[in-house]
Structure formats: C-alpha cells, structure tokens
Amino acid sequence: MEHEDRFVDIEIKLGHMEDLVDSLNTTVYQQARRIDQLEAMVNKLGEHLRTLREAGQQNPPNERPPHY
C-alpha cells in the first residue's frame, strides 16, 4: 500500500509539473511575441528619427521663415 501511495503522489506532482511547464511555455511564447512587436516599434522609431534628422539638415530648425 505504501508504494501505491508514493506512486499516486508522484503522479499528482508530475501532473502539476506538466501544467506548470505548459503555463510557462505559454508565457514565454507571449513574451517573445511582445518582444518582436517592441523591436519592430523601435526600428520604426529609429527610421522616423533618421528621417527627421535628414529633414532637419535640409531646413535648420532655428531658421526664420522668409515672411519675417
């Protein structure tokens, strides 16, 4: 009987561990997707900053418009 109880306890623990692994896998997958989204956003912001910088070199920001 003692061995049966030990096996039941091990099976219960194994079931909990499988659930935990599944939960962790889901979390890691969601975090990887979010990281991909954030990297794409950072790349777009970098491109936007480069565009602004290039536009700023053509028209200096402190230059008065011609109608002044």
N, C-alpha and C. Protein backbone atom coordinates (compact mmCIF):
# COMPACT_ATOMS: atom_id res chain seq x y z
N MET A 1 0.82 -1.19 0.00
CA MET A 1 0.00 0.00 0.00
C MET A 1 0.87 1.26 0.00
N GLU A 2 1.97 1.20 0.71
CA GLU A 2 2.85 2.36 0.81
C GLU A 2 3.39 2.76 -0.55
N HIS A 3 3.75 1.77 -1.37
CA HIS A 3 4.28 2.05 -2.70
C HIS A 3 3.21 2.68 -3.60
N GLU A 4 1.97 2.22 -3.46
CA GLU A 4 0.88 2.79 -4.25
C GLU A 4 0.68 4.25 -3.91
N ASP A 5 0.72 4.58 -2.63
CA ASP A 5 0.56 5.97 -2.20
C ASP A 5 1.69 6.84 -2.76
N ARG A 6 2.89 6.31 -2.74
CA ARG A 6 4.02 7.06 -3.28
C ARG A 6 3.85 7.29 -4.77
N PHE A 7 3.40 6.26 -5.49
CA PHE A 7 3.19 6.41 -6.93
C PHE A 7 2.09 7.43 -7.22
N VAL A 8 1.03 7.40 -6.44
CA VAL A 8 -0.06 8.37 -6.62
C VAL A 8 0.46 9.78 -6.38
N ASP A 9 1.24 9.97 -5.33
CA ASP A 9 1.82 11.28 -5.03
C ASP A 9 2.73 11.75 -6.18
N ILE A 10 3.53 10.84 -6.70
CA ILE A 10 4.43 11.19 -7.81
C ILE A 10 3.62 11.55 -9.05
N GLU A 11 2.56 10.80 -9.32
CA GLU A 11 1.72 11.11 -10.48
C GLU A 11 1.04 12.47 -10.32
N ILE A 12 0.59 12.77 -9.13
CA ILE A 12 -0.04 14.08 -8.87
C ILE A 12 0.97 15.19 -9.09
N LYS A 13 2.17 15.02 -8.53
CA LYS A 13 3.22 16.04 -8.70
C LYS A 13 3.59 16.19 -10.17
N LEU A 14 3.68 15.07 -10.89
CA LEU A 14 4.00 15.11 -12.31
C LEU A 14 2.92 15.87 -13.09
N GLY A 15 1.68 15.65 -12.74
CA GLY A 15 0.57 16.37 -13.39
C GLY A 15 0.67 17.87 -13.15
N HIS A 16 0.99 18.26 -11.92
CA HIS A 16 1.16 19.68 -11.60
C HIS A 16 2.35 20.26 -12.37
N MET A 17 3.42 19.50 -12.46
CA MET A 17 4.60 19.98 -13.18
C MET A 17 4.31 20.14 -14.67
N GLU A 18 3.55 19.23 -15.25
CA GLU A 18 3.18 19.36 -16.66
C GLU A 18 2.34 20.61 -16.88
N ASP A 19 1.41 20.87 -15.97
CA ASP A 19 0.60 22.09 -16.07
C ASP A 19 1.48 23.34 -15.97
N LEU A 20 2.43 23.30 -15.06
CA LEU A 20 3.34 24.44 -14.88
C LEU A 20 4.19 24.67 -16.13
N VAL A 21 4.70 23.60 -16.70
CA VAL A 21 5.52 23.71 -17.92
C VAL A 21 4.68 24.29 -19.06
N ASP A 22 3.44 23.82 -19.21
CA ASP A 22 2.56 24.37 -20.24
C ASP A 22 2.31 25.86 -20.01
N SER A 23 2.08 26.22 -18.77
CA SER A 23 1.84 27.63 -18.45
C SER A 23 3.08 28.48 -18.74
N LEU A 24 4.24 27.98 -18.36
CA LEU A 24 5.49 28.70 -18.63
C LEU A 24 5.75 28.82 -20.13
N ASN A 25 5.48 27.77 -20.88
CA ASN A 25 5.65 27.82 -22.34
C ASN A 25 4.75 28.89 -22.95
N THR A 26 3.52 28.96 -22.49
CA THR A 26 2.59 29.98 -22.98
C THR A 26 3.11 31.38 -22.66
N THR A 27 3.61 31.56 -21.45
CA THR A 27 4.14 32.86 -21.04
C THR A 27 5.35 33.24 -21.88
N VAL A 28 6.25 32.31 -22.09
CA VAL A 28 7.45 32.58 -22.89
C VAL A 28 7.06 32.92 -24.32
N TYR A 29 6.10 32.22 -24.88
CA TYR A 29 5.64 32.49 -26.24
C TYR A 29 5.05 33.91 -26.33
N GLN A 30 4.20 34.27 -25.37
CA GLN A 30 3.59 35.60 -25.37
C GLN A 30 4.66 36.68 -25.21
N GLN A 31 5.63 36.46 -24.37
CA GLN A 31 6.69 37.44 -24.18
C GLN A 31 7.54 37.57 -25.43
N ALA A 32 7.81 36.48 -26.12
CA ALA A 32 8.59 36.53 -27.35
C ALA A 32 7.84 37.33 -28.42
N ARG A 33 6.53 37.14 -28.51
CA ARG A 33 5.74 37.92 -29.47
C ARG A 33 5.78 39.40 -29.12
N ARG A 34 5.67 39.72 -27.83
CA ARG A 34 5.70 41.13 -27.41
C ARG A 34 7.08 41.74 -27.69
N ILE A 35 8.13 40.98 -27.45
CA ILE A 35 9.48 41.47 -27.74
C ILE A 35 9.61 41.76 -29.24
N ASP A 36 9.08 40.87 -30.07
CA ASP A 36 9.11 41.11 -31.52
C ASP A 36 8.38 42.39 -31.88
N GLN A 37 7.22 42.61 -31.25
CA GLN A 37 6.45 43.84 -31.51
C GLN A 37 7.25 45.07 -31.08
N LEU A 38 7.85 45.01 -29.92
CA LEU A 38 8.61 46.14 -29.41
C LEU A 38 9.84 46.42 -30.27
N GLU A 39 10.50 45.37 -30.74
CA GLU A 39 11.65 45.56 -31.63
C GLU A 39 11.22 46.22 -32.93
N ALA A 40 10.08 45.81 -33.47
CA ALA A 40 9.57 46.44 -34.69
C ALA A 40 9.26 47.91 -34.44
N MET A 41 8.69 48.20 -33.27
CA MET A 41 8.37 49.59 -32.93
C MET A 41 9.64 50.43 -32.80
N VAL A 42 10.64 49.89 -32.18
CA VAL A 42 11.92 50.60 -32.02
C VAL A 42 12.55 50.85 -33.39
N ASN A 43 12.48 49.87 -34.28
CA ASN A 43 13.02 50.06 -35.63
C ASN A 43 12.28 51.17 -36.37
N LYS A 44 10.96 51.20 -36.25
CA LYS A 44 10.18 52.26 -36.90
C LYS A 44 10.53 53.62 -36.32
N LEU A 45 10.68 53.69 -35.00
CA LEU A 45 11.06 54.95 -34.38
C LEU A 45 12.44 55.40 -34.84
N GLY A 46 13.35 54.46 -34.97
CA GLY A 46 14.69 54.79 -35.45
C GLY A 46 14.64 55.34 -36.87
N GLU A 47 13.83 54.70 -37.71
CA GLU A 47 13.68 55.19 -39.08
C GLU A 47 13.07 56.60 -39.09
N HIS A 48 12.08 56.80 -38.22
CA HIS A 48 11.43 58.10 -38.13
C HIS A 48 12.43 59.17 -37.68
N LEU A 49 13.25 58.86 -36.70
CA LEU A 49 14.26 59.81 -36.23
C LEU A 49 15.27 60.13 -37.32
N ARG A 50 15.69 59.11 -38.07
CA ARG A 50 16.62 59.36 -39.18
C ARG A 50 16.00 60.28 -40.22
N THR A 51 14.73 60.05 -40.51
CA THR A 51 14.02 60.90 -41.47
C THR A 51 13.94 62.33 -40.96
N LEU A 52 13.62 62.50 -39.68
CA LEU A 52 13.55 63.84 -39.10
C LEU A 52 14.92 64.51 -39.11
N ARG A 53 15.94 63.75 -38.81
CA ARG A 53 17.30 64.30 -38.79
C ARG A 53 17.70 64.76 -40.18
N GLU A 54 17.40 63.92 -41.18
CA GLU A 54 17.72 64.29 -42.55
C GLU A 54 16.94 65.53 -42.99
N ALA A 55 15.69 65.61 -42.62
CA ALA A 55 14.87 66.78 -42.96
C ALA A 55 15.39 68.01 -42.23
N GLY A 56 15.86 67.83 -41.02
CA GLY A 56 16.40 68.95 -40.24
C GLY A 56 17.68 69.48 -40.82
N GLN A 57 18.45 68.66 -41.47
CA GLN A 57 19.69 69.11 -42.10
C GLN A 57 19.38 69.96 -43.33
N GLN A 58 18.26 69.69 -43.95
CA GLN A 58 17.89 70.46 -45.13
C GLN A 58 17.29 71.82 -44.73
N ASN A 59 16.50 71.84 -43.67
CA ASN A 59 15.87 73.06 -43.18
C ASN A 59 16.24 73.23 -41.70
N PRO A 60 17.21 74.05 -41.39
CA PRO A 60 17.60 74.20 -39.99
C PRO A 60 16.41 74.64 -39.13
N PRO A 61 16.25 74.06 -37.94
CA PRO A 61 15.06 74.32 -37.12
C PRO A 61 15.00 75.76 -36.61
N ASN A 62 16.11 76.48 -36.48
CA ASN A 62 16.09 77.83 -35.94
C ASN A 62 16.01 78.90 -37.02
N GLU A 63 15.94 78.50 -38.25
CA GLU A 63 15.87 79.45 -39.34
C GLU A 63 14.49 80.08 -39.40
N ARG A 64 14.46 81.43 -39.51
CA ARG A 64 13.17 82.12 -39.60
C ARG A 64 12.58 81.92 -41.00
N PRO A 65 11.28 81.75 -41.04
CA PRO A 65 10.62 81.65 -42.34
C PRO A 65 10.81 82.96 -43.13
N PRO A 66 10.73 82.90 -44.43
CA PRO A 66 11.02 84.07 -45.26
C PRO A 66 10.05 85.24 -45.05
N HIS A 67 8.86 85.02 -44.53
CA HIS A 67 7.91 86.13 -44.38
C HIS A 67 8.17 87.00 -43.15
N TYR A 68 9.22 86.72 -42.35
CA TYR A 68 9.52 87.57 -41.19
C TYR A 68 10.40 88.71 -41.58
